């Protein structure tokens, strides 16, 4: 669709937001300039992403180098019915009040402006009532040749836009386009005489500005008042689940929330959440606000299901991290056993130290799971540690508690330490205990650990110490 070079007539253009002191978003303005080449442009993002400011800059640029005439309206007021929408559009373009059906009046505004191109900019479109939205949809179906419709808001009203996408006759601008990059954050900070924020705010324009100029709690206040409070209960619950789960598939979110979850719609409605392949990821910015996303009972309920879901992945580190965040000592102790079992010979020392400190601080130091983690940490620092007696006592404690998995892991760790000490007698003793433990048990993890200790003894008996170590590591 081409445009005319003729200057537009004077029109009673609405009052878009003041763009003074706003940094120029060249990339966003280039995308908005394309509104003159398509019938529809959408600008959809959450609160504080600078949608209205971007529109104000685009309208100002068009006044400097006009490609057509524009009228700007906010749907916050004046658009409550089809007739009021028609009257507001007439006023925005300086057209005389018309008579008859609202659709005919809207069509006449643009027909009378032809051949000049005319852009109707509707801000806050999520507030457009159903009747007015239906009339706007009818206008798009008739689509005067010179009409360019710009829809800006947190979400779109129910309009039939698929045919415009199929014809490549629409420009979609979203939160990813509106996020400030590092250079823009630095430019905004410089314009305000401040240093760039130390915290990663995800390029969220309003949060960046608040961090630069407002009191420390202003970012929290904004997130609660403008975003969290506006989320419907299902979206809030899904965001809470993602904050607890980390990157997750839709099925995992549904398992935790026990509600249907549609990732594309969710990502469109909730800021700083995106889909990556088959997973949905919430920005780390949301993590501190877990308590604001649900009641204490709801957070506790979802947390239990999150722990079960993550434990089902077999990711001991992730399970322990969530248990730490939730102050769930029982879950952290279970994760400690899994951590040692899955990392025999290659324990992540920093993770183990953090878990051990947390469990010691909460009075869990006397539990066999905590002692197992301490023994594994000692072995990671010195392969010959801990002494045989300490590990034998630990295995006996697990046995007395009826924890066969814990006993098997303690025996396997004892095998590694005995191998490092060339203690064949202790290895033989461990193999005997392992075979006794596995007798009549069909637990595959237990069988694998026992087989490893047993095979290592045989390898040592044949003089192949490297093979023994490899078997124990497995």
Protein backbone atom coordinates (compact mmCIF):
# COMPACT_ATOMS: atom_id res chain seq x y z
CA UNK A 1 0.00 0.00 0.00
CA UNK A 2 1.57 3.29 -1.06
CA UNK A 3 1.24 6.66 0.63
CA UNK A 4 0.83 10.17 -0.61
CA UNK A 5 3.36 12.93 -0.29
CA UNK A 6 0.67 15.58 0.04
CA UNK A 7 0.49 17.25 3.46
CA UNK A 8 -2.42 16.13 5.60
CA UNK A 9 -5.25 18.48 6.45
CA UNK A 10 -5.52 19.88 9.93
CA UNK A 11 -7.23 17.50 12.30
CA UNK A 12 -8.23 17.61 15.93
CA UNK A 13 -5.66 15.02 16.97
CA UNK A 14 -5.98 13.63 20.50
CA UNK A 15 -3.40 14.15 23.21
CA UNK A 16 -0.88 11.31 23.27
CA UNK A 17 1.48 11.11 26.26
CA UNK A 18 4.23 13.62 26.84
CA UNK A 19 7.45 12.20 25.39
CA UNK A 20 9.78 14.85 26.77
CA UNK A 21 12.93 13.41 28.37
CA UNK A 22 12.24 9.96 26.87
CA UNK A 23 15.09 8.36 24.98
CA UNK A 24 14.45 7.86 21.29
CA UNK A 25 13.74 4.18 20.53
CA UNK A 26 14.93 4.11 16.94
CA UNK A 27 14.24 0.41 16.45
CA UNK A 28 10.69 0.68 17.77
CA UNK A 29 10.05 3.83 15.71
CA UNK A 30 11.19 2.03 12.57
CA UNK A 31 8.69 -0.75 13.28
CA UNK A 32 5.92 1.78 13.90
CA UNK A 33 6.76 3.67 10.71
CA UNK A 34 5.60 0.54 8.88
CA UNK A 35 2.04 1.32 10.04
CA UNK A 36 1.67 3.39 6.87
CA UNK A 37 2.36 0.34 4.71
CA UNK A 38 -0.10 -2.07 6.34
CA UNK A 39 -3.74 -2.03 7.39
CA UNK A 40 -3.13 -3.11 10.99
CA UNK A 41 -0.33 -2.56 13.49
CA UNK A 42 -0.44 -4.11 16.97
CA UNK A 43 1.62 -2.96 19.93
CA UNK A 44 1.00 -5.44 22.76
CA UNK A 45 2.93 -5.68 26.03
CA UNK A 46 2.39 -5.44 29.75
CA UNK A 47 2.28 -2.36 31.90
CA UNK A 48 5.30 -0.11 31.82
CA UNK A 49 6.80 -1.28 28.54
CA UNK A 50 6.61 2.20 27.02
CA UNK A 51 3.82 1.54 24.52
CA UNK A 52 2.20 4.95 24.88
CA UNK A 53 5.56 6.72 24.83
CA UNK A 54 6.52 4.92 21.63
CA UNK A 55 3.21 5.94 20.06
CA UNK A 56 3.75 9.55 21.13
CA UNK A 57 7.18 9.57 19.53
CA UNK A 58 5.78 8.05 16.33
CA UNK A 59 3.00 10.63 16.11
CA UNK A 60 5.47 13.44 16.70
CA UNK A 61 7.75 12.08 13.96
CA UNK A 62 4.81 11.99 11.56
CA UNK A 63 3.99 15.63 12.28
CA UNK A 64 7.57 16.51 11.36
CA UNK A 65 7.54 14.47 8.13
CA UNK A 66 3.91 13.57 7.46
CA UNK A 67 2.88 10.49 5.55
CA UNK A 68 -0.78 10.88 6.43
CA UNK A 69 -3.18 12.22 9.02
CA UNK A 70 -3.53 10.55 12.43
CA UNK A 71 -6.02 10.52 15.23
CA UNK A 72 -5.11 9.21 18.70
CA UNK A 73 -7.63 7.89 21.22
CA UNK A 74 -7.37 6.24 24.60
CA UNK A 75 -10.01 3.60 25.22
CA UNK A 76 -10.03 4.50 28.91
CA UNK A 77 -12.99 6.81 28.27
CA UNK A 78 -15.16 7.98 25.40
CA UNK A 79 -15.40 4.57 23.69
CA UNK A 80 -17.95 2.86 25.90
CA UNK A 81 -20.40 2.09 23.06
CA UNK A 82 -20.30 1.95 19.24
CA UNK A 83 -21.89 5.42 18.99
CA UNK A 84 -19.44 6.94 21.46
CA UNK A 85 -16.52 5.31 19.63
CA UNK A 86 -17.76 6.80 16.35
CA UNK A 87 -18.10 10.25 17.95
CA UNK A 88 -14.59 10.03 19.44
CA UNK A 89 -13.07 9.07 16.08
CA UNK A 90 -14.94 11.92 14.35
CA UNK A 91 -13.56 14.36 16.92
CA UNK A 92 -10.02 12.95 16.66
CA UNK A 93 -9.95 13.62 12.90
CA UNK A 94 -11.87 16.92 13.03
CA UNK A 95 -14.84 15.46 11.17
CA UNK A 96 -18.34 16.86 11.79
CA UNK A 97 -20.65 14.69 13.92
CA UNK A 98 -22.47 12.25 11.72
CA UNK A 99 -25.81 10.50 11.91
CA UNK A 100 -26.90 6.93 11.38
CA UNK A 101 -25.28 3.65 12.45
CA UNK A 102 -21.87 3.85 14.13
CA UNK A 103 -20.22 1.68 11.47
CA UNK A 104 -21.36 3.99 8.66
CA UNK A 105 -20.09 7.03 10.57
CA UNK A 106 -16.67 5.41 11.08
CA UNK A 107 -16.41 4.42 7.43
CA UNK A 108 -17.36 7.95 6.37
CA UNK A 109 -14.50 9.48 8.40
CA UNK A 110 -11.90 7.62 6.36
CA UNK A 111 -13.75 7.80 3.06
CA UNK A 112 -13.92 11.60 3.38
CA UNK A 113 -10.16 11.76 4.02
CA UNK A 114 -9.28 9.73 0.91
CA UNK A 115 -6.97 9.75 -0.95
CA UNK A 116 -4.94 10.78 2.11
CA UNK A 117 -3.87 7.91 4.32
CA UNK A 118 -5.37 8.03 7.80
CA UNK A 119 -4.10 6.20 10.87
CA UNK A 120 -6.42 5.63 13.80
CA UNK A 121 -4.30 5.01 16.90
CA UNK A 122 -6.23 3.29 19.70
CA UNK A 123 -4.35 3.11 22.99
CA UNK A 124 -5.39 0.94 25.97
CA UNK A 125 -7.40 -1.32 23.63
CA UNK A 126 -7.80 -3.98 26.31
CA UNK A 127 -10.41 -1.62 27.83
CA UNK A 128 -12.52 -1.43 24.65
CA UNK A 129 -16.00 -2.81 25.46
CA UNK A 130 -17.34 -5.74 23.47
CA UNK A 131 -19.88 -3.70 21.49
CA UNK A 132 -17.33 -1.12 20.38
CA UNK A 133 -14.83 -3.89 19.55
CA UNK A 134 -17.45 -5.61 17.36
CA UNK A 135 -18.04 -2.37 15.45
CA UNK A 136 -14.29 -1.94 14.99
CA UNK A 137 -14.11 -5.50 13.68
CA UNK A 138 -16.87 -4.72 11.18
CA UNK A 139 -14.93 -1.62 10.06
CA UNK A 140 -11.87 -3.82 9.43
CA UNK A 141 -13.98 -6.19 7.34
CA UNK A 142 -14.98 -3.26 5.11
CA UNK A 143 -11.43 -1.81 5.40
CA UNK A 144 -11.39 1.52 3.54
CA UNK A 145 -8.32 1.57 1.30
CA UNK A 146 -6.73 4.47 3.18
CA UNK A 147 -7.33 3.07 6.70
CA UNK A 148 -4.39 2.20 8.95
CA UNK A 149 -5.39 0.92 12.38
CA UNK A 150 -2.89 0.91 15.26
CA UNK A 151 -3.96 -1.15 18.29
CA UNK A 152 -1.96 -0.70 21.48
CA UNK A 153 -2.57 -2.29 24.85
CA UNK A 154 -1.82 -5.06 27.30
CA UNK A 155 -3.87 -7.46 25.17
CA UNK A 156 -5.98 -7.22 22.03
CA UNK A 157 -9.77 -7.19 21.87
CA UNK A 158 -11.44 -10.04 19.94
CA UNK A 159 -10.78 -8.91 16.38
CA UNK A 160 -10.47 -11.09 13.28
CA UNK A 161 -6.84 -10.42 12.36
CA UNK A 162 -5.85 -13.79 10.88
CA UNK A 163 -6.59 -12.72 7.33
CA UNK A 164 -4.29 -9.72 7.68
CA UNK A 165 -1.48 -11.95 8.93
CA UNK A 166 -2.08 -14.38 6.07
CA UNK A 167 -1.80 -11.46 3.62
CA UNK A 168 1.28 -10.01 5.36
CA UNK A 169 -0.80 -6.90 5.98
CA UNK A 170 -0.07 -6.49 9.70
CA UNK A 171 2.88 -5.44 11.88
CA UNK A 172 3.04 -7.08 15.33
CA UNK A 173 5.21 -5.38 17.96
CA UNK A 174 5.57 -7.08 21.34
CA UNK A 175 7.35 -6.90 24.67
CA UNK A 176 10.57 -8.34 23.20
CA UNK A 177 10.72 -5.37 20.79
CA UNK A 178 10.03 -2.87 23.58
CA UNK A 179 12.59 -4.10 26.09
CA UNK A 180 15.52 -1.74 26.52
CA UNK A 181 18.88 -3.12 25.46
CA UNK A 182 22.05 -2.38 27.44
CA UNK A 183 22.89 0.67 25.31
CA UNK A 184 19.40 2.12 25.82
CA UNK A 185 19.56 1.51 29.58
CA UNK A 186 22.92 3.31 29.67
CA UNK A 187 21.50 6.19 27.58
CA UNK A 188 18.48 6.54 29.87
CA UNK A 189 20.70 6.50 32.96
CA UNK A 190 22.98 9.15 31.44
CA UNK A 191 20.00 11.37 30.56
CA UNK A 192 18.88 11.19 34.19
CA UNK A 193 22.37 11.69 35.62
CA UNK A 194 22.46 8.27 37.26
CA UNK A 195 24.44 5.05 37.02
CA UNK A 196 22.77 2.10 35.26
CA UNK A 197 20.92 -0.19 37.71
CA UNK A 198 23.02 -2.97 39.20
CA UNK A 199 20.05 -5.36 39.10
CA UNK A 200 18.99 -7.03 35.87
CA UNK A 201 15.49 -5.66 35.28
CA UNK A 202 14.99 -7.47 32.00
CA UNK A 203 14.99 -4.23 30.01
CA UNK A 204 11.52 -3.41 31.37
CA UNK A 205 11.39 0.35 30.67
CA UNK A 206 9.25 1.42 33.64
CA UNK A 207 11.28 -0.66 36.11
CA UNK A 208 14.56 0.70 34.75
CA UNK A 209 13.31 4.28 35.09
CA UNK A 210 11.97 3.65 38.60
CA UNK A 211 15.26 2.10 39.68
CA UNK A 212 17.06 5.20 38.42
CA UNK A 213 14.88 7.92 39.93
CA UNK A 214 12.58 6.52 42.63
CA UNK A 215 12.88 5.11 46.13
CA UNK A 216 14.04 1.55 46.66
CA UNK A 217 10.55 0.06 47.02
CA UNK A 218 9.15 1.69 43.88
CA UNK A 219 9.92 -1.31 41.66
CA UNK A 220 8.09 -3.65 44.06
CA UNK A 221 5.14 -1.26 44.27
CA UNK A 222 4.90 -1.06 40.47
CA UNK A 223 5.02 -4.81 39.96
CA UNK A 224 2.28 -5.36 42.51
CA UNK A 225 -0.02 -2.50 41.51
CA UNK A 226 0.33 -2.67 37.74
CA UNK A 227 1.09 -6.31 37.00
CA UNK A 228 0.50 -8.91 39.70
CA UNK A 229 -2.79 -7.47 40.91
CA UNK A 230 -4.08 -7.31 37.32
CA UNK A 231 -3.35 -10.98 36.53
CA UNK A 232 -6.30 -13.33 36.55
CA UNK A 233 -6.08 -16.16 39.11
CA UNK A 234 -5.01 -18.84 36.61
CA UNK A 235 -2.19 -16.70 35.18
CA UNK A 236 -1.02 -15.76 38.65
CA UNK A 237 -0.99 -19.43 39.65
CA UNK A 238 0.93 -20.40 36.50
CA UNK A 239 3.50 -17.64 37.10
CA UNK A 240 3.91 -18.83 40.69
CA UNK A 241 4.47 -22.38 39.43
CA UNK A 242 7.11 -21.22 36.94
CA UNK A 243 8.91 -19.18 39.60
CA UNK A 244 9.13 -22.31 41.74
CA UNK A 245 9.81 -24.79 38.92
CA UNK A 246 12.23 -22.84 36.75
CA UNK A 247 12.16 -23.54 33.01
CA UNK A 248 9.42 -26.12 32.49
CA UNK A 249 7.23 -27.75 29.90
CA UNK A 250 3.50 -27.01 29.72
CA UNK A 251 2.69 -30.46 31.12
CA UNK A 252 4.76 -29.78 34.23
CA UNK A 253 3.02 -26.44 34.78
CA UNK A 254 -0.36 -28.16 34.47
CA UNK A 255 0.74 -30.90 36.90
CA UNK A 256 1.65 -28.28 39.51
CA UNK A 257 -1.27 -25.87 38.99
CA UNK A 258 -3.87 -28.54 38.12
CA UNK A 259 -5.22 -26.10 35.55
CA UNK A 260 -5.02 -26.02 31.73
CA UNK A 261 -1.98 -24.08 30.52
CA UNK A 262 -1.63 -22.56 27.05
CA UNK A 263 1.94 -21.22 26.78
CA UNK A 264 1.55 -18.84 23.82
CA UNK A 265 -1.36 -16.97 25.36
CA UNK A 266 0.29 -16.93 28.78
CA UNK A 267 3.53 -15.49 27.38
CA UNK A 268 1.54 -12.81 25.56
CA UNK A 269 -0.28 -11.77 28.74
CA UNK A 270 2.52 -11.90 31.31
CA UNK A 271 5.63 -9.70 30.96
CA UNK A 272 9.15 -11.15 30.99
CA UNK A 273 7.99 -14.69 30.33
CA UNK A 274 8.97 -16.42 27.11
CA UNK A 275 8.82 -19.77 25.38
CA UNK A 276 12.11 -21.47 24.53
CA UNK A 277 11.63 -24.56 22.37
CA UNK A 278 9.30 -26.79 24.38
CA UNK A 279 9.71 -24.95 27.69
CA UNK A 280 8.39 -21.76 29.26
CA UNK A 281 10.81 -19.56 31.19
CA UNK A 282 10.04 -16.79 33.68
CA UNK A 283 12.70 -14.11 34.11
CA UNK A 284 14.61 -14.20 37.40
CA UNK A 285 13.08 -10.80 38.16
CA UNK A 286 9.89 -12.61 39.21
CA UNK A 287 11.53 -14.93 41.76
CA UNK A 288 11.52 -12.51 44.73
CA UNK A 289 7.76 -12.01 44.33
CA UNK A 290 6.68 -15.61 44.96
CA UNK A 291 4.97 -14.54 48.18
CA UNK A 292 2.90 -11.94 46.33
CA UNK A 293 1.60 -14.42 43.75
CA UNK A 294 -0.40 -16.58 46.15
CA UNK A 295 -1.53 -17.00 49.72
CA UNK A 296 0.80 -18.84 52.13
CA UNK A 297 -1.40 -21.93 51.86
CA UNK A 298 -1.37 -21.79 48.04
CA UNK A 299 2.40 -21.32 47.90
CA UNK A 300 2.87 -24.28 50.27
CA UNK A 301 0.48 -26.45 48.24
CA UNK A 302 2.18 -25.67 44.92
CA UNK A 303 5.60 -26.06 46.48
CA UNK A 304 4.88 -29.66 47.46
CA UNK A 305 3.81 -30.49 43.91
CA UNK A 306 6.79 -28.61 42.48
CA UNK A 307 9.20 -30.69 44.58
CA UNK A 308 7.54 -33.89 43.41
CA UNK A 309 7.66 -32.75 39.78
CA UNK A 310 11.32 -31.72 39.86
CA UNK A 311 12.34 -34.82 41.80
CA UNK A 312 10.66 -36.83 39.05
CA UNK A 313 13.09 -35.31 36.55
CA UNK A 314 15.96 -36.95 38.45
CA UNK A 315 17.68 -33.57 38.88
CA UNK A 316 18.97 -33.63 42.44
CA UNK A 317 20.59 -30.18 42.23
CA UNK A 318 17.35 -28.53 41.05
CA UNK A 319 15.33 -30.38 43.69
CA UNK A 320 17.71 -29.27 46.42
CA UNK A 321 17.72 -25.69 45.20
CA UNK A 322 13.93 -25.55 45.42
CA UNK A 323 13.98 -27.22 48.83
CA UNK A 324 16.48 -24.60 50.02
CA UNK A 325 14.30 -21.78 48.73
CA UNK A 326 11.28 -23.25 50.45
CA UNK A 327 13.13 -24.06 53.70
CA UNK A 328 12.00 -27.68 53.35
CA UNK A 329 14.63 -29.64 55.31
CA UNK A 330 13.03 -33.03 54.68
CA UNK A 331 13.10 -32.49 50.91
CA UNK A 332 16.67 -31.17 51.10
CA UNK A 333 17.83 -34.27 53.00
CA UNK A 334 16.23 -36.54 50.39
CA UNK A 335 17.89 -34.49 47.66
CA UNK A 336 21.24 -34.84 49.46
CA UNK A 337 21.07 -38.64 49.18
CA UNK A 338 20.21 -38.35 45.47
CA UNK A 339 23.01 -35.83 44.96
CA UNK A 340 25.62 -38.19 46.43
CA UNK A 341 24.18 -41.17 44.55
CA UNK A 342 24.23 -39.40 41.17
CA UNK A 343 27.61 -37.72 41.58
CA UNK A 344 29.75 -40.42 43.22
CA UNK A 345 33.34 -39.46 42.47
CA UNK A 346 32.36 -36.03 41.05
CA UNK A 347 30.44 -34.27 43.82
CA UNK A 348 29.68 -30.57 43.11
CA UNK A 349 31.56 -29.26 46.13
CA UNK A 350 30.04 -25.76 46.31
CA UNK A 351 26.50 -27.17 46.14
CA UNK A 352 27.27 -29.74 48.84
CA UNK A 353 28.82 -27.10 51.09
CA UNK A 354 25.77 -24.84 50.79
CA UNK A 355 23.38 -27.69 51.56
CA UNK A 356 25.45 -28.89 54.47
CA UNK A 357 25.57 -25.40 55.95
CA UNK A 358 21.80 -25.05 55.60
CA UNK A 359 21.07 -28.42 57.16
CA UNK A 360 23.55 -27.88 59.98
CA UNK A 361 22.05 -24.46 60.71
CA UNK A 362 18.56 -25.97 61.00
CA UNK A 363 19.59 -28.69 63.40
CA UNK A 364 19.68 -31.51 60.85
CA UNK A 365 23.35 -32.29 61.40
CA UNK A 366 22.64 -35.53 63.29
CA UNK A 367 20.58 -37.12 60.54
CA UNK A 368 22.16 -39.92 58.45
CA UNK A 369 21.40 -38.05 55.18
CA UNK A 370 23.39 -35.06 56.45
CA UNK A 371 26.24 -37.31 57.60
CA UNK A 372 26.25 -38.91 54.13
CA UNK A 373 26.61 -35.48 52.52
CA UNK A 374 29.44 -34.62 54.95
CA UNK A 375 31.20 -37.90 54.14
CA UNK A 376 30.86 -37.30 50.40
CA UNK A 377 32.30 -33.81 50.84
CA UNK A 378 35.25 -35.21 52.81
CA UNK A 379 35.84 -37.76 50.04
CA UNK A 380 35.70 -35.03 47.36
CA UNK A 381 38.47 -33.19 49.20
CA UNK A 382 40.58 -36.31 49.85
CA UNK A 383 39.88 -39.53 47.97
CA UNK A 384 40.97 -41.77 50.89
CA UNK A 385 38.46 -40.14 53.25
CA UNK A 386 36.36 -40.75 55.21
CA UNK A 387 37.69 -43.66 57.32
CA UNK A 388 36.13 -47.08 56.96
CA UNK A 389 34.61 -47.02 60.45
CA UNK A 390 32.73 -43.79 59.82
CA UNK A 391 31.15 -45.09 56.63
CA UNK A 392 30.35 -48.48 58.20
CA UNK A 393 28.58 -46.70 61.05
CA UNK A 394 26.68 -44.57 58.52
CA UNK A 395 25.55 -47.62 56.53
CA UNK A 396 24.38 -49.23 59.80
CA UNK A 397 22.35 -46.12 60.66
CA UNK A 398 20.60 -46.21 57.30
CA UNK A 399 19.99 -49.94 57.78
CA UNK A 400 18.45 -49.35 61.22
CA UNK A 401 16.18 -46.69 59.73
CA UNK A 402 15.04 -49.05 56.97
CA UNK A 403 16.50 -46.78 54.27
CA UNK A 404 17.93 -49.26 51.77
CA UNK A 405 18.76 -46.58 49.17
CA UNK A 406 20.72 -44.57 51.74
CA UNK A 407 22.56 -47.69 52.90
CA UNK A 408 23.47 -48.59 49.30
CA UNK A 409 24.85 -45.10 48.62
CA UNK A 410 26.89 -45.22 51.84
CA UNK A 411 28.33 -48.62 50.79
CA UNK A 412 29.19 -47.29 47.32
CA UNK A 413 30.90 -44.25 48.81
CA UNK A 414 32.78 -46.58 51.16
CA UNK A 415 33.92 -48.55 48.13
CA UNK A 416 35.39 -45.44 46.52
CA UNK A 417 37.26 -44.50 49.69
CA UNK A 418 38.50 -48.07 50.25
CA UNK A 419 39.74 -48.24 46.67
CA UNK A 420 41.66 -44.99 47.16
CA UNK A 421 43.31 -46.52 50.27
CA UNK A 422 43.98 -49.85 48.49
CA UNK A 423 41.98 -51.42 51.35
CA UNK A 424 41.03 -54.75 49.74
CA UNK A 425 39.78 -56.26 53.01
CA UNK A 426 37.26 -53.44 53.45
CA UNK A 427 36.21 -53.69 49.81
CA UNK A 428 35.49 -57.42 50.28
CA UNK A 429 33.46 -56.62 53.40
CA UNK A 430 31.52 -53.96 51.49
CA UNK A 431 30.82 -56.38 48.66
CA UNK A 432 29.40 -58.91 51.12
CA UNK A 433 27.17 -56.24 52.67
CA UNK A 434 26.09 -55.09 49.22
CA UNK A 435 25.09 -58.59 48.11
CA UNK A 436 23.15 -59.09 51.33
CA UNK A 437 21.39 -55.76 50.82
CA UNK A 438 20.40 -56.55 47.24
CA UNK A 439 19.10 -60.03 47.97
CA UNK A 440 15.42 -60.25 47.09
CA UNK A 441 15.22 -56.54 46.14
CA UNK A 442 14.25 -55.54 42.61
CA UNK A 443 15.21 -51.84 42.98
CA UNK A 444 17.30 -51.18 39.82
CA UNK A 445 19.27 -48.33 41.40
CA UNK A 446 20.17 -50.54 44.34
CA UNK A 447 21.18 -53.38 42.05
CA UNK A 448 23.42 -51.07 40.00
CA UNK A 449 25.25 -49.73 43.06
CA UNK A 450 25.72 -53.21 44.47
CA UNK A 451 26.96 -54.54 41.14
CA UNK A 452 29.47 -51.71 40.97
CA UNK A 453 30.97 -52.51 44.37
CA UNK A 454 31.01 -56.22 43.62
CA UNK A 455 32.65 -55.79 40.21
CA UNK A 456 35.26 -53.45 41.65
CA UNK A 457 36.29 -56.11 44.18
CA UNK A 458 36.71 -58.63 41.37
CA UNK A 459 38.77 -56.13 39.36
CA UNK A 460 41.06 -55.48 42.32
CA UNK A 461 41.39 -59.21 42.89
CA UNK A 462 42.70 -59.44 39.34
CA UNK A 463 45.08 -56.52 39.88
CA UNK A 464 43.21 -54.11 37.58
CA UNK A 465 42.89 -51.09 39.86
CA UNK A 466 42.04 -48.66 37.03
CA UNK A 467 39.10 -50.85 36.01
CA UNK A 468 37.97 -51.02 39.64
CA UNK A 469 37.96 -47.25 39.96
CA UNK A 470 36.06 -46.90 36.69
CA UNK A 471 33.43 -49.38 37.88
CA UNK A 472 33.02 -47.59 41.20
CA UNK A 473 32.69 -44.24 39.45
CA UNK A 474 29.91 -45.68 37.30
